Amino acid sequence: YKWIRIIYRCWKTRTCYDEAKYLRALKDRNSPLLSV
């Protein structure tokens, strides 16, 4: 369910997925996912 949100954004904008870029975005948002 969570992955589909990411896939949709990549697919809609024709942008390749970048794990490092996504992790930086999570860090910038202070995502609780990275604080586990």
Full PDB file with SEQRES, HELIX, SHEET, SSBOND, CRYST1, ORIGX, SCALE, CONECT and MASTER records, all heavy atoms in Angstrom:
SEQRES   1 A   36  TYR LYS TRP ILE ARG ILE ILE TYR ARG CYS TRP LYS THR          
SEQRES   2 A   36  ARG THR CYS TYR ASP GLU ALA LYS TYR LEU ARG ALA LEU          
SEQRES   3 A   36  LYS ASP ARG ASN SER PRO LEU LEU SER VAL                      
HELIX    1 AA1 LYS A    2  THR A   13  1                                  12    
HELIX    2 AA2 GLU A   19  ASP A   28  1                                  10    
HELIX    3 AA3 PRO A   32  SER A   35  5                                   4    
CRYST1    1.000    1.000    1.000  90.00  90.00  90.00 P 1           1          
ORIGX1      1.000000  0.000000  0.000000        0.00000                         
ORIGX2      0.000000  1.000000  0.000000        0.00000                         
ORIGX3      0.000000  0.000000  1.000000        0.00000                         
SCALE1      1.000000  0.000000  0.000000        0.00000                         
SCALE2      0.000000  1.000000  0.000000        0.00000                         
SCALE3      0.000000  0.000000  1.000000        0.00000                         
ATOM      1  N   TYR A   1       0.843  -1.208   0.000  1.00  0.00           N  
ATOM      2  CA  TYR A   1       0.000   0.000   0.000  1.00  0.00           C  
ATOM      3  C   TYR A   1       0.875   1.254   0.000  1.00  0.00           C  
ATOM      4  O   TYR A   1       0.621   2.215  -0.733  1.00  0.00           O  
ATOM      5  CB  TYR A   1      -0.898  -0.034   1.238  1.00  0.00           C  
ATOM      6  CG  TYR A   1      -1.906   1.084   1.336  1.00  0.00           C  
ATOM      7  CD1 TYR A   1      -3.161   0.970   0.757  1.00  0.00           C  
ATOM      8  CD2 TYR A   1      -1.609   2.253   2.029  1.00  0.00           C  
ATOM      9  CE1 TYR A   1      -4.097   1.987   0.858  1.00  0.00           C  
ATOM     10  CE2 TYR A   1      -2.528   3.283   2.135  1.00  0.00           C  
ATOM     11  CZ  TYR A   1      -3.777   3.132   1.550  1.00  0.00           C  
ATOM     12  OH  TYR A   1      -4.685   4.155   1.655  1.00  0.00           O  
ATOM     13  N   LYS A   2       1.938   1.227   0.815  1.00  0.00           N  
ATOM     14  CA  LYS A   2       2.851   2.379   0.897  1.00  0.00           C  
ATOM     15  C   LYS A   2       3.680   2.514  -0.378  1.00  0.00           C  
ATOM     16  O   LYS A   2       3.892   3.628  -0.876  1.00  0.00           O  
ATOM     17  CB  LYS A   2       3.762   2.211   2.115  1.00  0.00           C  
ATOM     18  CG  LYS A   2       4.532   3.476   2.499  1.00  0.00           C  
ATOM     19  CD  LYS A   2       5.217   3.292   3.840  1.00  0.00           C  
ATOM     20  CE  LYS A   2       5.927   4.574   4.272  1.00  0.00           C  
ATOM     21  NZ  LYS A   2       4.991   5.678   4.552  1.00  0.00           N  
ATOM     22  N   TRP A   3       4.120   1.386  -0.927  1.00  0.00           N  
ATOM     23  CA  TRP A   3       4.936   1.422  -2.144  1.00  0.00           C  
ATOM     24  C   TRP A   3       4.160   2.007  -3.327  1.00  0.00           C  
ATOM     25  O   TRP A   3       4.723   2.705  -4.164  1.00  0.00           O  
ATOM     26  CB  TRP A   3       5.408   0.013  -2.506  1.00  0.00           C  
ATOM     27  CG  TRP A   3       6.787  -0.342  -2.036  1.00  0.00           C  
ATOM     28  CD1 TRP A   3       7.146  -1.329  -1.169  1.00  0.00           C  
ATOM     29  CD2 TRP A   3       8.018   0.281  -2.426  1.00  0.00           C  
ATOM     30  NE1 TRP A   3       8.497  -1.356  -0.989  1.00  0.00           N  
ATOM     31  CE2 TRP A   3       9.073  -0.376  -1.753  1.00  0.00           C  
ATOM     32  CE3 TRP A   3       8.336   1.344  -3.262  1.00  0.00           C  
ATOM     33  CZ2 TRP A   3      10.403  -0.031  -1.897  1.00  0.00           C  
ATOM     34  CZ3 TRP A   3       9.682   1.697  -3.415  1.00  0.00           C  
ATOM     35  CH2 TRP A   3      10.687   1.023  -2.740  1.00  0.00           C  
ATOM     36  N   ILE A   4       2.867   1.717  -3.406  1.00  0.00           N  
ATOM     37  CA  ILE A   4       2.083   2.192  -4.546  1.00  0.00           C  
ATOM     38  C   ILE A   4       2.070   3.708  -4.613  1.00  0.00           C  
ATOM     39  O   ILE A   4       2.060   4.298  -5.702  1.00  0.00           O  
ATOM     40  CB  ILE A   4       0.648   1.610  -4.494  1.00  0.00           C  
ATOM     41  CG1 ILE A   4       0.695   0.127  -4.873  1.00  0.00           C  
ATOM     42  CG2 ILE A   4      -0.294   2.359  -5.438  1.00  0.00           C  
ATOM     43  CD1 ILE A   4      -0.628  -0.592  -4.778  1.00  0.00           C  
ATOM     44  N   ARG A   5       2.091   4.378  -3.460  1.00  0.00           N  
ATOM     45  CA  ARG A   5       2.162   5.847  -3.455  1.00  0.00           C  
ATOM     46  C   ARG A   5       3.452   6.327  -4.131  1.00  0.00           C  
ATOM     47  O   ARG A   5       3.454   7.303  -4.882  1.00  0.00           O  
ATOM     48  CB  ARG A   5       2.090   6.374  -2.022  1.00  0.00           C  
ATOM     49  CG  ARG A   5       0.730   6.177  -1.368  1.00  0.00           C  
ATOM     50  CD  ARG A   5       0.679   6.835  -0.002  1.00  0.00           C  
ATOM     51  NE  ARG A   5      -0.659   6.785   0.550  1.00  0.00           N  
ATOM     52  CZ  ARG A   5      -1.634   7.638   0.269  1.00  0.00           C  
ATOM     53  NH1 ARG A   5      -1.402   8.632  -0.573  1.00  0.00           N  
ATOM     54  NH2 ARG A   5      -2.829   7.521   0.804  1.00  0.00           N  
ATOM     55  N   ILE A   6       4.540   5.639  -3.844  1.00  0.00           N  
ATOM     56  CA  ILE A   6       5.831   6.006  -4.437  1.00  0.00           C  
ATOM     57  C   ILE A   6       5.841   5.684  -5.929  1.00  0.00           C  
ATOM     58  O   ILE A   6       6.275   6.495  -6.753  1.00  0.00           O  
ATOM     59  CB  ILE A   6       6.971   5.256  -3.710  1.00  0.00           C  
ATOM     60  CG1 ILE A   6       7.005   5.661  -2.228  1.00  0.00           C  
ATOM     61  CG2 ILE A   6       8.317   5.518  -4.381  1.00  0.00           C  
ATOM     62  CD1 ILE A   6       7.932   4.811  -1.384  1.00  0.00           C  
ATOM     63  N   ILE A   7       5.339   4.488  -6.271  1.00  0.00           N  
ATOM     64  CA  ILE A   7       5.303   4.079  -7.680  1.00  0.00           C  
ATOM     65  C   ILE A   7       4.463   5.051  -8.497  1.00  0.00           C  
ATOM     66  O   ILE A   7       4.835   5.432  -9.620  1.00  0.00           O  
ATOM     67  CB  ILE A   7       4.752   2.651  -7.810  1.00  0.00           C  
ATOM     68  CG1 ILE A   7       5.722   1.641  -7.176  1.00  0.00           C  
ATOM     69  CG2 ILE A   7       4.509   2.281  -9.275  1.00  0.00           C  
ATOM     70  CD1 ILE A   7       5.156   0.239  -7.077  1.00  0.00           C  
ATOM     71  N   TYR A   8       3.323   5.446  -7.939  1.00  0.00           N  
ATOM     72  CA  TYR A   8       2.441   6.364  -8.660  1.00  0.00           C  
ATOM     73  C   TYR A   8       3.157   7.678  -8.982  1.00  0.00           C  
ATOM     74  O   TYR A   8       3.093   8.176 -10.112  1.00  0.00           O  
ATOM     75  CB  TYR A   8       1.183   6.655  -7.846  1.00  0.00           C  
ATOM     76  CG  TYR A   8       0.326   7.744  -8.454  1.00  0.00           C  
ATOM     77  CD1 TYR A   8      -0.438   7.496  -9.585  1.00  0.00           C  
ATOM     78  CD2 TYR A   8       0.311   9.041  -7.916  1.00  0.00           C  
ATOM     79  CE1 TYR A   8      -1.214   8.492 -10.168  1.00  0.00           C  
ATOM     80  CE2 TYR A   8      -0.461  10.039  -8.483  1.00  0.00           C  
ATOM     81  CZ  TYR A   8      -1.219   9.765  -9.608  1.00  0.00           C  
ATOM     82  OH  TYR A   8      -1.972  10.766 -10.188  1.00  0.00           O  
ATOM     83  N   ARG A   9       3.866   8.234  -8.010  1.00  0.00           N  
ATOM     84  CA  ARG A   9       4.579   9.498  -8.239  1.00  0.00           C  
ATOM     85  C   ARG A   9       5.658   9.324  -9.309  1.00  0.00           C  
ATOM     86  O   ARG A   9       5.804  10.170 -10.195  1.00  0.00           O  
ATOM     87  CB  ARG A   9       5.190   9.984  -6.918  1.00  0.00           C  
ATOM     88  CG  ARG A   9       5.968  11.290  -7.034  1.00  0.00           C  
ATOM     89  CD  ARG A   9       5.079  12.426  -7.500  1.00  0.00           C  
ATOM     90  NE  ARG A   9       4.024  12.704  -6.567  1.00  0.00           N  
ATOM     91  CZ  ARG A   9       4.147  13.538  -5.530  1.00  0.00           C  
ATOM     92  NH1 ARG A   9       5.285  14.156  -5.320  1.00  0.00           N  
ATOM     93  NH2 ARG A   9       3.134  13.746  -4.727  1.00  0.00           N  
ATOM     94  N   CYS A  10       6.416   8.224  -9.223  1.00  0.00           N  
ATOM     95  CA  CYS A  10       7.457   7.967 -10.233  1.00  0.00           C  
ATOM     96  C   CYS A  10       6.836   7.786 -11.611  1.00  0.00           C  
ATOM     97  O   CYS A  10       7.319   8.339 -12.610  1.00  0.00           O  
ATOM     98  CB  CYS A  10       8.265   6.726  -9.852  1.00  0.00           C  
ATOM     99  SG  CYS A  10       9.279   6.910  -8.363  1.00  0.00           S  
ATOM    100  N   TRP A  11       5.769   6.988 -11.671  1.00  0.00           N  
ATOM    101  CA  TRP A  11       5.103   6.679 -12.939  1.00  0.00           C  
ATOM    102  C   TRP A  11       4.480   7.923 -13.552  1.00  0.00           C  
ATOM    103  O   TRP A  11       4.612   8.173 -14.749  1.00  0.00           O  
ATOM    104  CB  TRP A  11       4.050   5.604 -12.684  1.00  0.00           C  
ATOM    105  CG  TRP A  11       3.224   5.208 -13.867  1.00  0.00           C  
ATOM    106  CD1 TRP A  11       3.595   4.422 -14.906  1.00  0.00           C  
ATOM    107  CD2 TRP A  11       1.853   5.561 -14.105  1.00  0.00           C  
ATOM    108  NE1 TRP A  11       2.546   4.258 -15.788  1.00  0.00           N  
ATOM    109  CE2 TRP A  11       1.464   4.948 -15.318  1.00  0.00           C  
ATOM    110  CE3 TRP A  11       0.915   6.325 -13.406  1.00  0.00           C  
ATOM    111  CZ2 TRP A  11       0.187   5.083 -15.853  1.00  0.00           C  
ATOM    112  CZ3 TRP A  11      -0.363   6.459 -13.935  1.00  0.00           C  
ATOM    113  CH2 TRP A  11      -0.714   5.848 -15.137  1.00  0.00           C  
ATOM    114  N   LYS A  12       3.834   8.739 -12.714  1.00  0.00           N  
ATOM    115  CA  LYS A  12       3.140   9.925 -13.210  1.00  0.00           C  
ATOM    116  C   LYS A  12       4.125  10.960 -13.752  1.00  0.00           C  
ATOM    117  O   LYS A  12       3.857  11.632 -14.757  1.00  0.00           O  
ATOM    118  CB  LYS A  12       2.307  10.542 -12.083  1.00  0.00           C  
ATOM    119  CG  LYS A  12       1.231  11.517 -12.540  1.00  0.00           C  
ATOM    120  CD  LYS A  12       0.070  10.811 -13.192  1.00  0.00           C  
ATOM    121  CE  LYS A  12      -1.087  11.757 -13.467  1.00  0.00           C  
ATOM    122  NZ  LYS A  12      -2.209  11.080 -14.141  1.00  0.00           N  
ATOM    123  N   THR A  13       5.266  11.091 -13.085  1.00  0.00           N  
ATOM    124  CA  THR A  13       6.253  12.101 -13.477  1.00  0.00           C  
ATOM    125  C   THR A  13       7.358  11.526 -14.366  1.00  0.00           C  
ATOM    126  O   THR A  13       8.291  12.254 -14.720  1.00  0.00           O  
ATOM    127  CB  THR A  13       6.895  12.724 -12.227  1.00  0.00           C  
ATOM    128  OG1 THR A  13       7.567  11.700 -11.465  1.00  0.00           O  
ATOM    129  CG2 THR A  13       5.844  13.400 -11.349  1.00  0.00           C  
ATOM    130  N   ARG A  14       7.265  10.220 -14.676  1.00  0.00           N  
ATOM    131  CA  ARG A  14       8.281   9.540 -15.497  1.00  0.00           C  
ATOM    132  C   ARG A  14       9.670   9.679 -14.880  1.00  0.00           C  
ATOM    133  O   ARG A  14      10.666   9.927 -15.577  1.00  0.00           O  
ATOM    134  CB  ARG A  14       8.272  10.075 -16.928  1.00  0.00           C  
ATOM    135  CG  ARG A  14       6.918   9.988 -17.618  1.00  0.00           C  
ATOM    136  CD  ARG A  14       6.955  10.570 -19.016  1.00  0.00           C  
ATOM    137  NE  ARG A  14       5.612  10.707 -19.576  1.00  0.00           N  
ATOM    138  CZ  ARG A  14       4.974   9.766 -20.267  1.00  0.00           C  
ATOM    139  NH1 ARG A  14       5.574   8.624 -20.487  1.00  0.00           N  
ATOM    140  NH2 ARG A  14       3.747   9.970 -20.731  1.00  0.00           N  
ATOM    141  N   THR A  15       9.744   9.500 -13.576  1.00  0.00           N  
ATOM    142  CA  THR A  15      10.995   9.648 -12.837  1.00  0.00           C  
ATOM    143  C   THR A  15      11.414   8.311 -12.244  1.00  0.00           C  
ATOM    144  O   THR A  15      10.596   7.624 -11.625  1.00  0.00           O  
ATOM    145  CB  THR A  15      10.842  10.670 -11.686  1.00  0.00           C  
ATOM    146  OG1 THR A  15      10.359  11.894 -12.217  1.00  0.00           O  
ATOM    147  CG2 THR A  15      12.174  10.897 -10.980  1.00  0.00           C  
ATOM    148  N   CYS A  16      12.680   7.940 -12.423  1.00  0.00           N  
ATOM    149  CA  CYS A  16      13.188   6.701 -11.842  1.00  0.00           C  
ATOM    150  C   CYS A  16      13.233   6.803 -10.318  1.00  0.00           C  
ATOM    151  O   CYS A  16      13.470   7.882  -9.764  1.00  0.00           O  
ATOM    152  CB  CYS A  16      14.573   6.376 -12.388  1.00  0.00           C  
ATOM    153  SG  CYS A  16      14.576   5.908 -14.143  1.00  0.00           S  
ATOM    154  N   TYR A  17      13.043   5.670  -9.671  1.00  0.00           N  
ATOM    155  CA  TYR A  17      13.103   5.636  -8.214  1.00  0.00           C  
ATOM    156  C   TYR A  17      14.550   5.735  -7.752  1.00  0.00           C  
ATOM    157  O   TYR A  17      15.442   5.105  -8.322  1.00  0.00           O  
ATOM    158  CB  TYR A  17      12.488   4.346  -7.686  1.00  0.00           C  
ATOM    159  CG  TYR A  17      12.642   4.167  -6.192  1.00  0.00           C  
ATOM    160  CD1 TYR A  17      11.875   4.907  -5.304  1.00  0.00           C  
ATOM    161  CD2 TYR A  17      13.560   3.256  -5.669  1.00  0.00           C  
ATOM    162  CE1 TYR A  17      12.009   4.748  -3.931  1.00  0.00           C  
ATOM    163  CE2 TYR A  17      13.704   3.084  -4.307  1.00  0.00           C  
ATOM    164  CZ  TYR A  17      12.931   3.836  -3.440  1.00  0.00           C  
ATOM    165  OH  TYR A  17      13.071   3.683  -2.089  1.00  0.00           O  
ATOM    166  N   ASP A  18      14.781   6.554  -6.713  1.00  0.00           N  
ATOM    167  CA  ASP A  18      16.117   6.737  -6.146  1.00  0.00           C  
ATOM    168  C   ASP A  18      16.012   6.535  -4.638  1.00  0.00           C  
ATOM    169  O   ASP A  18      15.478   7.374  -3.925  1.00  0.00           O  
ATOM    170  CB  ASP A  18      16.633   8.142  -6.468  1.00  0.00           C  
ATOM    171  CG  ASP A  18      18.081   8.357  -6.046  1.00  0.00           C  
ATOM    172  OD1 ASP A  18      18.510   7.710  -5.071  1.00  0.00           O  
ATOM    173  OD2 ASP A  18      18.768   9.167  -6.693  1.00  0.00           O  
ATOM    174  N   GLU A  19      16.514   5.403  -4.157  1.00  0.00           N  
ATOM    175  CA  GLU A  19      16.405   5.077  -2.727  1.00  0.00           C  
ATOM    176  C   GLU A  19      17.090   6.119  -1.854  1.00  0.00           C  
ATOM    177  O   GLU A  19      16.539   6.547  -0.833  1.00  0.00           O  
ATOM    178  CB  GLU A  19      17.017   3.690  -2.467  1.00  0.00           C  
ATOM    179  CG  GLU A  19      17.020   3.277  -1.015  1.00  0.00           C  
ATOM    180  CD  GLU A  19      15.850   2.378  -0.631  1.00  0.00           C  
ATOM    181  OE1 GLU A  19      14.950   2.199  -1.465  1.00  0.00           O  
ATOM    182  OE2 GLU A  19      15.837   1.870   0.500  1.00  0.00           O  
ATOM    183  N   ALA A  20      18.285   6.555  -2.254  1.00  0.00           N  
ATOM    184  CA  ALA A  20      19.014   7.540  -1.449  1.00  0.00           C  
ATOM    185  C   ALA A  20      18.228   8.855  -1.358  1.00  0.00           C  
ATOM    186  O   ALA A  20      18.141   9.482  -0.285  1.00  0.00           O  
ATOM    187  CB  ALA A  20      20.397   7.787  -2.045  1.00  0.00           C  
ATOM    188  N   LYS A  21      17.649   9.269  -2.464  1.00  0.00           N  
ATOM    189  CA  LYS A  21      16.862  10.495  -2.489  1.00  0.00           C  
ATOM    190  C   LYS A  21      15.629  10.376  -1.597  1.00  0.00           C  
ATOM    191  O   LYS A  21      15.261  11.312  -0.874  1.00  0.00           O  
ATOM    192  CB  LYS A  21      16.440  10.804  -3.923  1.00  0.00           C  
ATOM    193  CG  LYS A  21      15.713  12.125  -4.095  1.00  0.00           C  
ATOM    194  CD  LYS A  21      15.408  12.366  -5.567  1.00  0.00           C  
ATOM    195  CE  LYS A  21      14.655  13.689  -5.759  1.00  0.00           C  
ATOM    196  NZ  LYS A  21      14.361  13.926  -7.211  1.00  0.00           N  
ATOM    197  N   TYR A  22      14.989   9.208  -1.619  1.00  0.00           N  
ATOM    198  CA  TYR A  22      13.800   9.002  -0.795  1.00  0.00           C  
ATOM    199  C   TYR A  22      14.170   8.997   0.685  1.00  0.00           C  
ATOM    200  O   TYR A  22      13.442   9.557   1.522  1.00  0.00           O  
ATOM    201  CB  TYR A  22      13.121   7.694  -1.180  1.00  0.00           C  
ATOM    202  CG  TYR A  22      11.832   7.456  -0.436  1.00  0.00           C  
ATOM    203  CD1 TYR A  22      10.719   8.271  -0.642  1.00  0.00           C  
ATOM    204  CD2 TYR A  22      11.713   6.426   0.493  1.00  0.00           C  
ATOM    205  CE1 TYR A  22       9.532   8.064   0.038  1.00  0.00           C  
ATOM    206  CE2 TYR A  22      10.531   6.207   1.177  1.00  0.00           C  
ATOM    207  CZ  TYR A  22       9.445   7.034   0.944  1.00  0.00           C  
ATOM    208  OH  TYR A  22       8.275   6.830   1.634  1.00  0.00           O  
ATOM    209  N   LEU A  23      15.297   8.388   1.022  1.00  0.00           N  
ATOM    210  CA  LEU A  23      15.731   8.371   2.421  1.00  0.00           C  
ATOM    211  C   LEU A  23      16.050   9.784   2.913  1.00  0.00           C  
ATOM    212  O   LEU A  23      15.755  10.132   4.060  1.00  0.00           O  
ATOM    213  CB  LEU A  23      16.949   7.463   2.581  1.00  0.00           C  
ATOM    214  CG  LEU A  23      16.692   5.953   2.415  1.00  0.00           C  
ATOM    215  CD1 LEU A  23      17.996   5.176   2.473  1.00  0.00           C  
ATOM    216  CD2 LEU A  23      15.726   5.456   3.491  1.00  0.00           C  
ATOM    217  N   ARG A  24      16.651  10.607   2.038  1.00  0.00           N  
ATOM    218  CA  ARG A  24      16.923  12.006   2.425  1.00  0.00           C  
ATOM    219  C   ARG A  24      15.615  12.756   2.664  1.00  0.00           C  
ATOM    220  O   ARG A  24      15.515  13.570   3.591  1.00  0.00           O  
ATOM    221  CB  ARG A  24      17.745  12.703   1.331  1.00  0.00           C  
ATOM    222  CG  ARG A  24      19.202  12.281   1.288  1.00  0.00           C  
ATOM    223  CD  ARG A  24      20.047  13.250   0.464  1.00  0.00           C  
ATOM    224  NE  ARG A  24      19.595  13.327  -0.914  1.00  0.00           N  
ATOM    225  CZ  ARG A  24      20.050  12.544  -1.891  1.00  0.00           C  
ATOM    226  NH1 ARG A  24      20.961  11.605  -1.612  1.00  0.00           N  
ATOM    227  NH2 ARG A  24      19.614  12.679  -3.128  1.00  0.00           N  
ATOM    228  N   ALA A  25      14.616  12.475   1.823  1.00  0.00           N  
ATOM    229  CA  ALA A  25      13.315  13.123   1.993  1.00  0.00           C  
ATOM    230  C   ALA A  25      12.677  12.709   3.320  1.00  0.00           C  
ATOM    231  O   ALA A  25      12.084  13.538   4.025  1.00  0.00           O  
ATOM    232  CB  ALA A  25      12.400  12.775   0.829  1.00  0.00           C  
ATOM    233  N   LEU A  26      12.805  11.436   3.673  1.00  0.00           N  
ATOM    234  CA  LEU A  26      12.269  10.969   4.949  1.00  0.00           C  
ATOM    235  C   LEU A  26      12.985  11.647   6.120  1.00  0.00           C  
ATOM    236  O   LEU A  26      12.358  12.041   7.107  1.00  0.00           O  
ATOM    237  CB  LEU A  26      12.422   9.447   5.060  1.00  0.00           C  
ATOM    238  CG  LEU A  26      11.547   8.584   4.148  1.00  0.00           C  
ATOM    239  CD1 LEU A  26      11.907   7.110   4.316  1.00  0.00           C  
ATOM    240  CD2 LEU A  26      10.064   8.800   4.442  1.00  0.00           C  
ATOM    241  N   LYS A  27      14.309  11.801   5.976  1.00  0.00           N  
ATOM    242  CA  LYS A  27      15.094  12.442   7.026  1.00  0.00           C  
ATOM    243  C   LYS A  27      14.724  13.909   7.167  1.00  0.00           C  
ATOM    244  O   LYS A  27      14.580  14.432   8.283  1.00  0.00           O  
ATOM    245  CB  LYS A  27      16.583  12.297   6.713  1.00  0.00           C  
ATOM    246  CG  LYS A  27      17.496  12.841   7.796  1.00  0.00           C  
ATOM    247  CD  LYS A  27      18.960  12.602   7.446  1.00  0.00           C  
ATOM    248  CE  LYS A  27      19.869  13.155   8.537  1.00  0.00           C  
ATOM    249  NZ  LYS A  27      21.300  12.955   8.187  1.00  0.00           N  
ATOM    250  N   ASP A  28      14.534  14.603   6.035  1.00  0.00           N  
ATOM    251  CA  ASP A  28      14.175  16.025   6.075  1.00  0.00           C  
ATOM    252  C   ASP A  28      12.807  16.242   6.717  1.00  0.00           C  
ATOM    253  O   ASP A  28      12.564  17.290   7.328  1.00  0.00           O  
ATOM    254  CB  ASP A  28      14.178  16.607   4.653  1.00  0.00           C  
ATOM    255  CG  ASP A  28      15.581  16.665   4.055  1.00  0.00           C  
ATOM    256  OD1 ASP A  28      16.554  16.587   4.842  1.00  0.00           O  
ATOM    257  OD2 ASP A  28      15.702  16.760   2.814  1.00  0.00           O  
ATOM    258  N   ARG A  29      11.913  15.263   6.561  1.00  0.00           N  
ATOM    259  CA  ARG A  29      10.568  15.379   7.144  1.00  0.00           C  
ATOM    260  C   ARG A  29      10.532  14.871   8.579  1.00  0.00           C  
ATOM    261  O   ARG A  29       9.465  14.835   9.202  1.00  0.00           O  
ATOM    262  CB  ARG A  29       9.557  14.576   6.320  1.00  0.00           C  
ATOM    263  CG  ARG A  29       9.338  15.087   4.905  1.00  0.00           C  
ATOM    264  CD  ARG A  29       8.014  14.581   4.343  1.00  0.00           C  
ATOM    265  NE  ARG A  29       7.855  13.146   4.443  1.00  0.00           N  
ATOM    266  CZ  ARG A  29       8.129  12.294   3.454  1.00  0.00           C  
ATOM    267  NH1 ARG A  29       8.605  12.745   2.302  1.00  0.00           N  
ATOM    268  NH2 ARG A  29       7.933  11.005   3.611  1.00  0.00           N  
ATOM    269  N   ASN A  30      11.704  14.457   9.086  1.00  0.00           N  
ATOM    270  CA  ASN A  30      11.775  13.850  10.419  1.00  0.00           C  
ATOM    271  C   ASN A  30      10.796  12.685  10.542  1.00  0.00           C  
ATOM    272  O   ASN A  30      10.048  12.555  11.526  1.00  0.00           O  
ATOM    273  CB  ASN A  30      11.475  14.896  11.509  1.00  0.00           C  
ATOM    274  CG  ASN A  30      12.543  15.968  11.576  1.00  0.00           C  
ATOM    275  OD1 ASN A  30      13.740  15.675  11.496  1.00  0.00           O  
ATOM    276  ND2 ASN A  30      12.117  17.221  11.707  1.00  0.00           N  
ATOM    277  N   SER A  31      10.786  11.851   9.531  1.00  0.00           N  
ATOM    278  CA  SER A  31       9.873  10.718   9.503  1.00  0.00           C  
ATOM    279  C   SER A  31      10.151   9.772  10.666  1.00  0.00           C  
ATOM    280  O   SER A  31      11.310   9.421  10.929  1.00  0.00           O  
ATOM    281  CB  SER A  31      10.015   9.960   8.183  1.00  0.00           C  
ATOM    282  OG  SER A  31       9.300   8.749   8.222  1.00  0.00           O  
ATOM    283  N   PRO A  32       9.112   9.368  11.389  1.00  0.00           N  
ATOM    284  CA  PRO A  32       9.311   8.404  12.485  1.00  0.00           C  
ATOM    285  C   PRO A  32       9.837   7.064  11.992  1.00  0.00           C  
ATOM    286  O   PRO A  32      10.349   6.271  12.774  1.00  0.00           O  
ATOM    287  CB  PRO A  32       7.898   8.258  13.073  1.00  0.00           C  
ATOM    288  CG  PRO A  32       6.963   8.687  11.990  1.00  0.00           C  
ATOM    289  CD  PRO A  32       7.690   9.741  11.232  1.00  0.00           C  
ATOM    290  N   LEU A  33       9.739   6.829  10.679  1.00  0.00           N  
ATOM    291  CA  LEU A  33      10.211   5.575  10.116  1.00  0.00           C  
ATOM    292  C   LEU A  33      11.707   5.393  10.329  1.00  0.00           C  
ATOM    293  O   LEU A  33      12.182   4.292  10.599  1.00  0.00           O  
ATOM    294  CB  LEU A  33       9.886   5.528   8.612  1.00  0.00           C  
ATOM    295  CG  LEU A  33      10.119   4.203   7.883  1.00  0.00           C  
ATOM    296  CD1 LEU A  33       9.248   3.104   8.466  1.00  0.00           C  
ATOM    297  CD2 LEU A  33       9.834   4.365   6.401  1.00  0.00           C  
ATOM    298  N   LEU A  34      12.464   6.491  10.241  1.00  0.00           N  
ATOM    299  CA  LEU A  34      13.918   6.418  10.391  1.00  0.00           C  
ATOM    300  C   LEU A  34      14.374   6.546  11.835  1.00  0.00           C  
ATOM    301  O   LEU A  34      15.564   6.398  12.130  1.00  0.00           O  
ATOM    302  CB  LEU A  34      14.592   7.512   9.556  1.00  0.00           C  
ATOM    303  CG  LEU A  34      14.363   7.431   8.044  1.00  0.00           C  
ATOM    304  CD1 LEU A  34      15.150   8.521   7.332  1.00  0.00           C  
ATOM    305  CD2 LEU A  34      14.759   6.058   7.504  1.00  0.00           C  
ATOM    306  N   SER A  35      13.442   6.806  12.741  1.00  0.00           N  
ATOM    307  CA  SER A  35      13.810   6.941  14.146  1.00  0.00           C  
ATOM    308  C   SER A  35      13.607   5.655  14.917  1.00  0.00           C  
ATOM    309  O   SER A  35      13.785   5.606  16.128  1.00  0.00           O  
ATOM    310  CB  SER A  35      12.973   8.050  14.799  1.00  0.00           C  
ATOM    311  OG  SER A  35      11.592   7.728  14.767  1.00  0.00           O  
ATOM    312  N   VAL A  36      13.179   4.609  14.174  1.00  0.00           N  
ATOM    313  CA  VAL A  36      12.932   3.319  14.837  1.00  0.00           C  
ATOM    314  C   VAL A  36      14.246   2.685  15.258  1.00  0.00           C  
ATOM    315  O   VAL A  36      15.199   2.671  14.491  1.00  0.00           O  
ATOM    316  CB  VAL A  36      12.166   2.369  13.882  1.00  0.00           C  
ATOM    317  CG1 VAL A  36      11.996   1.012  14.536  1.00  0.00           C  
ATOM    318  CG2 VAL A  36      10.816   2.952  13.524  1.00  0.00           C  
TER     319      VAL A  36                                                      
MASTER        0    0    0    3    0    0    0    6  318    1    0    3          
END                                                                             
